[in-house]
Amino acid sequence: MSLVLYGIPNCNTVKKAIDWLKENEIAHTFHNFKKDGVSLAMLQEWSAQVGWETLLNKKGTTWRKLSPEQQAAATNATYVLQLLLENPSMIKRPVVVLDGKILTVGFNPEELQKLR
């Protein structure tokens, strides 16, 4: 079983997910978007699994810093995935991937419980 938690280390939601995994003794690898990056191919695969709408975090400061025109243009996968590639902080976090399949986007203890 290969569990990877994708996110940024200073995100409170990512911290909660990491703490939960540690408390439940579930082995995982952490992939830091800022340090380790994210590829367009990865974003396309994730989008195919859960949809770009799920991946786009419209509640964060990075989204709010976009111009109204950029926000209004976020209506299709091509545009949004390019935004996420350029601004990985706009990816909803954490993305938890088990053996190549997304288990959850965001901290969801109920879904993570299935790992036990």
Protein backbone atom coordinates (compact mmCIF):
# COMPACT_ATOMS: atom_id res chain seq x y z
CA MET A 1 0.00 0.00 0.00
CA SER A 2 1.40 3.36 -1.05
CA LEU A 3 -0.27 6.34 0.61
CA VAL A 4 0.82 9.85 -0.38
CA LEU A 5 -0.50 13.01 1.22
CA TYR A 6 -0.09 16.05 -1.05
CA GLY A 7 -0.20 19.57 0.35
CA ILE A 8 1.80 22.35 1.92
CA PRO A 9 3.25 21.95 5.41
CA ASN A 10 1.94 25.20 6.92
CA CYS A 11 -1.70 24.41 6.00
CA ASN A 12 -3.77 23.66 9.11
CA THR A 13 -5.90 21.10 7.27
CA VAL A 14 -2.79 19.29 6.07
CA LYS A 15 -1.42 19.33 9.63
CA LYS A 16 -4.67 17.76 10.90
CA ALA A 17 -4.48 15.02 8.28
CA ILE A 18 -0.82 14.27 9.05
CA ASP A 19 -1.55 14.17 12.78
CA TRP A 20 -4.49 11.83 12.18
CA LEU A 21 -2.36 9.47 10.07
CA LYS A 22 0.40 9.45 12.70
CA GLU A 23 -2.05 8.88 15.58
CA ASN A 24 -3.55 5.96 13.68
CA GLU A 25 -0.10 4.62 12.76
CA ILE A 26 -0.76 4.74 9.02
CA ALA A 27 2.44 4.92 6.99
CA HIS A 28 2.46 7.66 4.39
CA THR A 29 4.69 9.90 2.35
CA PHE A 30 4.26 13.68 2.31
CA HIS A 31 4.58 15.55 -0.99
CA ASN A 32 5.09 19.29 -0.52
CA PHE A 33 3.54 21.18 -3.45
CA LYS A 34 5.78 24.19 -2.87
CA LYS A 35 9.04 22.27 -2.55
CA ASP A 36 8.41 19.18 -4.71
CA GLY A 37 6.09 20.79 -7.24
CA VAL A 38 3.15 19.42 -9.15
CA SER A 39 2.99 18.44 -12.80
CA LEU A 40 0.31 19.09 -15.38
CA ALA A 41 0.05 15.33 -15.95
CA MET A 42 -0.64 14.83 -12.22
CA LEU A 43 -3.31 17.54 -12.23
CA GLN A 44 -4.92 16.07 -15.35
CA GLU A 45 -5.04 12.61 -13.74
CA TRP A 46 -6.56 14.01 -10.56
CA SER A 47 -9.05 16.04 -12.57
CA ALA A 48 -10.08 12.89 -14.43
CA GLN A 49 -10.68 11.17 -11.08
CA VAL A 50 -12.50 13.88 -9.09
CA GLY A 51 -13.07 16.82 -11.44
CA TRP A 52 -11.27 20.14 -11.58
CA GLU A 53 -14.06 21.75 -9.56
CA THR A 54 -13.11 19.59 -6.57
CA LEU A 55 -9.43 20.45 -6.86
CA LEU A 56 -9.91 24.22 -7.05
CA ASN A 57 -9.91 25.87 -3.64
CA LYS A 58 -11.96 29.05 -3.95
CA LYS A 59 -11.80 29.76 -0.21
CA GLY A 60 -8.09 30.46 0.07
CA THR A 61 -6.11 33.67 -0.12
CA THR A 62 -4.47 32.70 -3.42
CA TRP A 63 -7.89 32.55 -5.11
CA ARG A 64 -8.92 35.86 -3.57
CA LYS A 65 -5.75 37.49 -4.92
CA LEU A 66 -6.74 36.68 -8.51
CA SER A 67 -8.31 39.44 -10.54
CA PRO A 68 -12.10 39.30 -11.04
CA GLU A 69 -11.39 38.50 -14.70
CA GLN A 70 -9.21 35.52 -13.78
CA GLN A 71 -11.81 34.24 -11.34
CA ALA A 72 -14.58 34.63 -13.94
CA ALA A 73 -12.51 32.72 -16.51
CA ALA A 74 -12.18 29.68 -14.22
CA THR A 75 -14.91 27.74 -16.01
CA ASN A 76 -13.05 24.90 -17.73
CA ALA A 77 -10.42 22.29 -16.97
CA THR A 78 -7.76 23.65 -19.32
CA TYR A 79 -7.75 27.10 -17.72
CA VAL A 80 -8.12 25.90 -14.13
CA LEU A 81 -5.42 23.24 -14.35
CA GLN A 82 -3.01 25.85 -15.72
CA LEU A 83 -3.92 28.12 -12.77
CA LEU A 84 -3.28 25.25 -10.35
CA LEU A 85 0.03 24.45 -12.02
CA GLU A 86 1.14 28.07 -11.63
CA ASN A 87 -0.40 28.44 -8.15
CA PRO A 88 -0.27 25.09 -6.31
CA SER A 89 -1.58 26.85 -3.19
CA MET A 90 -4.97 26.95 -4.94
CA ILE A 91 -5.24 23.16 -4.88
CA LYS A 92 -7.67 22.07 -2.17
CA ARG A 93 -5.66 20.30 0.49
CA PRO A 94 -4.73 17.71 1.34
CA VAL A 95 -5.03 15.41 -1.63
CA VAL A 96 -4.69 11.89 -0.28
CA VAL A 97 -3.73 9.30 -2.88
CA LEU A 98 -3.69 5.56 -2.29
CA ASP A 99 -1.96 3.47 -4.95
CA GLY A 100 -2.56 6.12 -7.60
CA LYS A 101 -6.24 6.70 -6.78
CA ILE A 102 -7.51 9.74 -4.90
CA LEU A 103 -8.98 8.70 -1.59
CA THR A 104 -10.00 12.18 -0.52
CA VAL A 105 -9.52 15.86 -1.32
CA GLY A 106 -9.58 17.80 1.94
CA PHE A 107 -9.32 16.28 5.39
CA ASN A 108 -11.97 13.57 5.69
CA PRO A 109 -11.45 11.30 8.72
CA GLU A 110 -14.33 9.05 7.65
CA GLU A 111 -12.58 8.22 4.37
CA LEU A 112 -9.21 7.88 6.06
CA GLN A 113 -10.76 5.48 8.57
CA LYS A 114 -11.09 2.98 5.70
CA LEU A 115 -7.29 2.67 5.76
CA ARG A 116 -7.33 0.97 9.15
